[in-house]
Protein backbone atom coordinates (compact mmCIF):
# COMPACT_ATOMS: atom_id res chain seq x y z
CA MET A 1 -2.19 -5.18 7.29
CA VAL A 2 -3.28 -1.55 7.33
CA GLU A 3 -2.21 0.66 4.44
CA LEU A 4 -0.89 4.04 5.57
CA PHE A 5 0.03 7.21 3.60
CA ASP A 6 2.70 9.34 5.25
CA THR A 7 1.87 12.68 3.70
CA HIS A 8 5.02 14.53 4.74
CA VAL A 9 8.52 12.99 4.84
CA HIS A 10 12.01 14.36 4.33
CA VAL A 11 13.84 11.18 3.41
CA ASN A 12 15.62 13.48 0.97
CA VAL A 13 17.83 15.02 3.67
CA HIS A 14 21.31 14.04 4.87
CA GLN A 15 20.06 12.38 8.05
CA PHE A 16 19.09 9.41 5.87
CA ASP A 17 22.20 9.21 3.72
CA ASP A 18 23.60 6.11 5.42
CA ASP A 19 20.51 3.88 5.74
CA LEU A 20 17.74 5.08 3.45
CA GLU A 21 17.04 1.60 2.08
CA ASP A 22 16.64 0.22 5.60
CA VAL A 23 14.37 3.16 6.56
CA LEU A 24 12.11 2.59 3.56
CA THR A 25 11.99 -1.14 4.24
CA ARG A 26 10.92 -0.59 7.86
CA ALA A 27 8.24 1.80 6.66
CA ARG A 28 6.84 -0.74 4.22
CA GLU A 29 6.87 -3.44 6.93
CA ALA A 30 4.88 -1.04 9.16
CA GLY A 31 2.21 -0.70 6.48
CA VAL A 32 3.32 2.63 5.01
CA LYS A 33 2.43 2.00 1.35
CA TRP A 34 2.88 5.59 0.08
CA MET A 35 5.04 8.55 1.09
CA ASN A 36 5.09 12.20 0.00
CA VAL A 37 8.70 13.43 -0.13
CA VAL A 38 8.83 17.18 0.44
CA GLY A 39 11.58 19.31 -1.09
CA PHE A 40 12.00 22.79 0.32
CA ASP A 41 15.11 24.26 -1.41
CA ARG A 42 17.27 23.55 -4.49
CA GLU A 43 19.16 20.65 -2.89
CA THR A 44 16.18 18.83 -1.34
CA ILE A 45 13.95 19.37 -4.38
CA THR A 46 16.63 17.86 -6.66
CA ARG A 47 16.98 14.88 -4.29
CA ALA A 48 13.20 14.43 -4.06
CA MET A 49 12.88 14.31 -7.81
CA ALA A 50 15.61 11.64 -8.03
CA LEU A 51 13.94 9.55 -5.33
CA VAL A 52 10.47 9.53 -6.94
CA ASP A 53 12.04 8.33 -10.15
CA GLU A 54 13.77 5.48 -8.22
CA TYR A 55 10.90 4.30 -6.01
CA GLU A 56 7.37 3.76 -7.30
CA PHE A 57 5.78 4.33 -3.88
CA LEU A 58 7.28 7.79 -3.38
CA TYR A 59 5.76 11.06 -4.65
CA ALA A 60 7.09 14.60 -4.51
CA THR A 61 6.00 17.98 -3.18
CA ILE A 62 8.19 20.87 -4.25
CA GLY A 63 8.41 24.42 -2.96
CA TRP A 64 10.40 26.83 -0.83
CA HIS A 65 10.54 26.82 2.95
CA PRO A 66 9.56 30.10 4.66
CA VAL A 67 12.68 30.21 6.80
CA ASP A 68 14.71 30.46 3.61
CA SER A 69 12.42 32.94 1.84
CA VAL A 70 15.19 35.53 1.78
CA ASP A 71 17.05 33.29 -0.67
CA PHE A 72 13.97 32.67 -2.90
CA THR A 73 14.25 34.13 -6.37
CA ASP A 74 11.96 34.35 -9.41
CA GLU A 75 14.31 31.90 -11.09
CA ASP A 76 13.68 29.41 -8.28
CA LEU A 77 9.91 29.89 -8.73
CA ALA A 78 10.15 29.35 -12.48
CA TRP A 79 12.28 26.21 -11.96
CA ILE A 80 9.76 24.81 -9.48
CA GLU A 81 6.93 25.47 -11.91
CA SER A 82 8.75 23.68 -14.72
CA LEU A 83 9.19 20.61 -12.47
CA THR A 84 5.43 20.40 -11.85
CA GLU A 85 5.14 18.83 -15.31
CA HIS A 86 6.62 15.62 -13.80
CA PRO A 87 3.77 13.14 -13.26
CA LYS A 88 4.89 12.32 -9.70
CA VAL A 89 4.92 15.90 -8.46
CA ILE A 90 1.68 16.03 -6.46
CA ALA A 91 1.77 19.31 -4.54
CA ILE A 92 3.41 22.71 -4.05
CA GLY A 93 5.27 23.41 -0.81
CA GLU A 94 6.24 23.41 1.84
CA THR A 95 5.60 27.10 1.90
CA GLY A 96 3.98 29.22 4.61
CA LEU A 97 5.26 31.35 7.52
CA ASP A 98 7.66 30.67 10.35
CA TYR A 99 8.24 33.38 12.94
CA HIS A 100 10.39 31.24 15.25
CA TRP A 101 13.62 31.87 13.31
CA ASP A 102 15.02 35.26 12.35
CA LYS A 103 16.61 34.45 8.99
CA SER A 104 13.80 35.81 6.76
CA PRO A 105 11.74 38.88 7.73
CA ALA A 106 7.96 38.33 7.97
CA ALA A 107 7.31 40.60 4.94
CA VAL A 108 9.73 38.54 2.78
CA GLN A 109 8.10 35.31 3.96
CA LYS A 110 4.64 36.59 3.12
CA GLU A 111 5.74 37.58 -0.38
CA ALA A 112 7.21 34.13 -1.04
CA PHE A 113 4.13 32.46 0.42
CA ILE A 114 1.77 34.40 -1.80
CA LYS A 115 3.82 33.68 -4.90
CA GLN A 116 3.52 29.98 -4.10
CA ILE A 117 -0.19 30.24 -3.45
CA GLN A 118 -0.49 31.78 -6.89
CA LEU A 119 1.63 28.94 -8.33
CA HIS A 120 -0.55 26.29 -6.70
CA LYS A 121 -3.59 27.85 -8.35
CA ARG A 122 -1.81 28.25 -11.65
CA VAL A 123 -0.72 24.63 -11.93
CA GLY A 124 -3.73 23.08 -10.19
CA LEU A 125 -1.83 21.17 -7.46
CA PRO A 126 -2.55 21.12 -3.71
CA LEU A 127 -0.69 23.51 -1.43
CA VAL A 128 1.38 22.20 1.55
CA ILE A 129 1.76 24.81 4.29
CA HIS A 130 4.27 25.00 7.10
CA GLY A 131 3.39 27.20 10.04
CA ARG A 132 5.28 27.99 13.21
CA GLU A 133 4.21 30.72 15.59
CA ALA A 134 2.30 32.19 12.58
CA GLN A 135 -0.88 30.20 12.19
CA ALA A 136 -3.27 33.16 12.45
CA ASP A 137 -1.36 35.18 9.83
CA ILE A 138 -1.40 32.10 7.53
CA ALA A 139 -5.18 31.80 7.90
CA THR A 140 -5.59 35.51 7.11
CA ILE A 141 -3.49 35.19 3.95
CA LEU A 142 -5.42 32.11 2.82
CA GLU A 143 -8.65 34.01 3.32
CA GLN A 144 -7.32 37.03 1.40
CA GLU A 145 -5.68 35.15 -1.48
CA GLY A 146 -8.09 32.27 -1.72
CA VAL A 147 -7.20 28.59 -1.91
CA GLY A 148 -7.46 27.03 -5.36
CA PRO A 149 -9.85 24.13 -6.16
CA ALA A 150 -6.96 21.65 -5.58
CA GLY A 151 -7.06 22.51 -1.85
CA GLY A 152 -4.13 21.76 0.41
CA ILE A 153 -2.66 20.66 3.72
CA MET A 154 -1.85 22.45 6.95
CA HIS A 155 1.16 20.25 7.58
CA CYS A 156 1.89 19.18 11.19
CA PHE A 157 -0.68 21.71 12.35
CA SER A 158 0.18 23.50 15.58
CA GLY A 159 -2.53 26.16 15.84
CA ASP A 160 -5.64 26.32 17.95
CA GLU A 161 -9.19 25.16 17.20
CA GLU A 162 -10.33 28.61 15.96
CA THR A 163 -7.43 28.84 13.47
CA ALA A 164 -7.99 25.23 12.37
CA LYS A 165 -11.61 26.10 11.60
CA ARG A 166 -10.53 29.11 9.53
CA CYS A 167 -8.15 26.89 7.54
CA LEU A 168 -10.81 24.25 7.06
CA ASP A 169 -13.27 26.91 5.86
CA ALA A 170 -10.62 28.12 3.37
CA GLY A 171 -10.51 24.59 1.88
CA MET A 172 -7.55 23.04 3.60
CA HIS A 173 -6.96 19.61 5.13
CA ILE A 174 -5.35 19.33 8.60
CA SER A 175 -2.41 16.96 9.08
CA PHE A 176 -1.08 15.68 12.38
CA GLY A 177 2.34 14.30 13.23
CA GLY A 178 4.34 13.30 16.26
CA PRO A 179 3.27 16.20 18.57
CA VAL A 180 -0.27 14.76 18.82
CA THR A 181 1.31 11.84 20.72
CA PHE A 182 3.30 13.94 23.21
CA LYS A 183 2.01 13.46 26.74
CA ASN A 184 2.09 17.19 27.60
CA ALA A 185 0.62 18.44 24.28
CA GLN A 186 -3.12 18.95 24.80
CA LEU A 187 -3.72 21.47 22.02
CA PRO A 188 -3.07 19.16 19.02
CA LYS A 189 -5.24 16.52 20.70
CA ASP A 190 -8.13 18.99 21.06
CA VAL A 191 -7.77 20.12 17.43
CA ALA A 192 -7.57 16.48 16.18
CA LYS A 193 -10.87 15.75 17.92
CA MET A 194 -12.68 18.56 16.10
CA VAL A 195 -11.25 18.06 12.56
CA PRO A 196 -13.77 16.25 10.34
CA LEU A 197 -12.66 12.78 9.31
CA ASP A 198 -12.82 13.71 5.65
CA ARG A 199 -10.24 16.50 6.17
CA LEU A 200 -7.82 14.53 8.35
CA LEU A 201 -4.31 13.44 7.34
CA ILE A 202 -1.35 11.89 9.13
CA GLU A 203 2.42 12.37 8.72
CA THR A 204 5.77 12.06 10.38
CA ASP A 205 7.72 15.10 9.07
CA CYS A 206 10.72 12.79 9.51
CA PRO A 207 13.49 13.12 10.50
CA PHE A 208 11.89 15.72 12.78
CA LEU A 209 9.24 15.52 15.54
CA ALA A 210 9.39 11.83 16.37
CA PRO A 211 6.30 10.62 18.21
CA HIS A 212 6.26 9.16 21.70
CA PRO A 213 8.10 6.99 22.76
CA TYR A 214 10.80 8.10 20.28
CA ARG A 215 10.60 11.80 21.05
CA GLY A 216 13.98 13.45 20.64
CA LYS A 217 15.33 10.75 18.32
CA ARG A 218 15.46 10.67 14.53
CA ASN A 219 12.00 10.19 13.17
CA GLU A 220 11.23 7.88 10.23
CA PRO A 221 8.20 7.03 8.15
CA ALA A 222 7.39 3.76 10.00
CA HIS A 223 6.45 5.88 13.02
CA VAL A 224 3.40 7.26 11.26
CA ALA A 225 1.63 4.14 12.55
CA LEU A 226 1.98 5.61 16.10
CA VAL A 227 0.31 8.80 14.93
CA ALA A 228 -2.54 6.80 13.46
CA GLU A 229 -2.96 4.95 16.76
CA LYS A 230 -3.22 8.16 18.74
CA ILE A 231 -5.67 9.69 16.29
CA ALA A 232 -7.81 6.59 16.44
CA GLU A 233 -7.86 6.77 20.24
CA LEU A 234 -8.83 10.48 20.14
CA LYS A 235 -11.58 9.85 17.58
CA GLY A 236 -12.92 6.73 19.28
CA VAL A 237 -12.48 4.56 16.20
CA THR A 238 -10.12 1.74 15.19
CA VAL A 239 -6.64 2.16 13.76
CA GLU A 240 -7.85 0.33 10.70
CA GLU A 241 -10.56 2.97 10.17
CA ILE A 242 -8.08 5.85 10.58
CA ALA A 243 -5.68 4.19 8.14
CA GLU A 244 -8.43 3.69 5.57
CA ILE A 245 -9.86 7.18 5.99
CA THR A 246 -6.54 9.12 5.98
CA THR A 247 -5.19 7.12 3.04
CA ALA A 248 -8.33 7.76 1.04
CA ASN A 249 -8.22 11.42 1.93
CA ALA A 250 -4.55 11.72 0.81
CA LYS A 251 -5.09 9.85 -2.45
CA ARG A 252 -8.14 11.97 -3.27
CA LEU A 253 -6.34 15.21 -2.47
CA PHE A 254 -3.21 14.26 -4.42
CA GLY A 255 -5.22 12.95 -7.38
CA LEU A 256 -3.94 9.41 -7.12
CA THR A 257 -6.02 6.38 -8.12
CA ASP A 258 -6.17 2.85 -6.85
CA GLU A 259 -3.65 1.97 -9.50
CA ASN A 260 -1.06 4.36 -8.06
């Protein structure tokens, strides 16, 4: 069986309160051997930390979502930094910019984003970036601030090829989720074709953005196999090769060994 690494899951949210054990079992049966649980505020970070202590195959990314940047305090930042001492915290995020929603002004989002870029460099962990209708501004900030040696991930990337190249040049990996499988979504397919195999990652972003044929339904980690299938088709290689490559990329980026 293939071994997959879902690099971005939110099994720490309330949509999985009633059947988390079943969801994780289905994921394991589908070949998902590792999952990165992303916390993005006080509640979800706390839940992520509890889950990684309970399940050996789960790891945590912790940070503050751009939509909620208006609520982000220096105390929150210090708390997140203190949690990075936990051995299963593998990245900082998801941070970034999101211009779709009006809750947090762009200037406030940028300030929170830069603080988390600085944190990622300070603690030496990869950076996980969320971008919505803001990919060019994200690339500009990455170029201005500089990405640390630990690198990072453009999670569920939705930008164009030019912006993807800027992010790659800045030292980032590009991750694809359900939208690459959507029949009417040509842009992520074009970007996936141009991303070098050694910078490629896959994810679900569950419970959001379920891939075809589950679009519009609750997403779950088992569906990352469908993303791998589409990427393999676009790259002209086997699913087994994509599984091996993306898993190796994730483990290398997150500093995990074969024993993890």
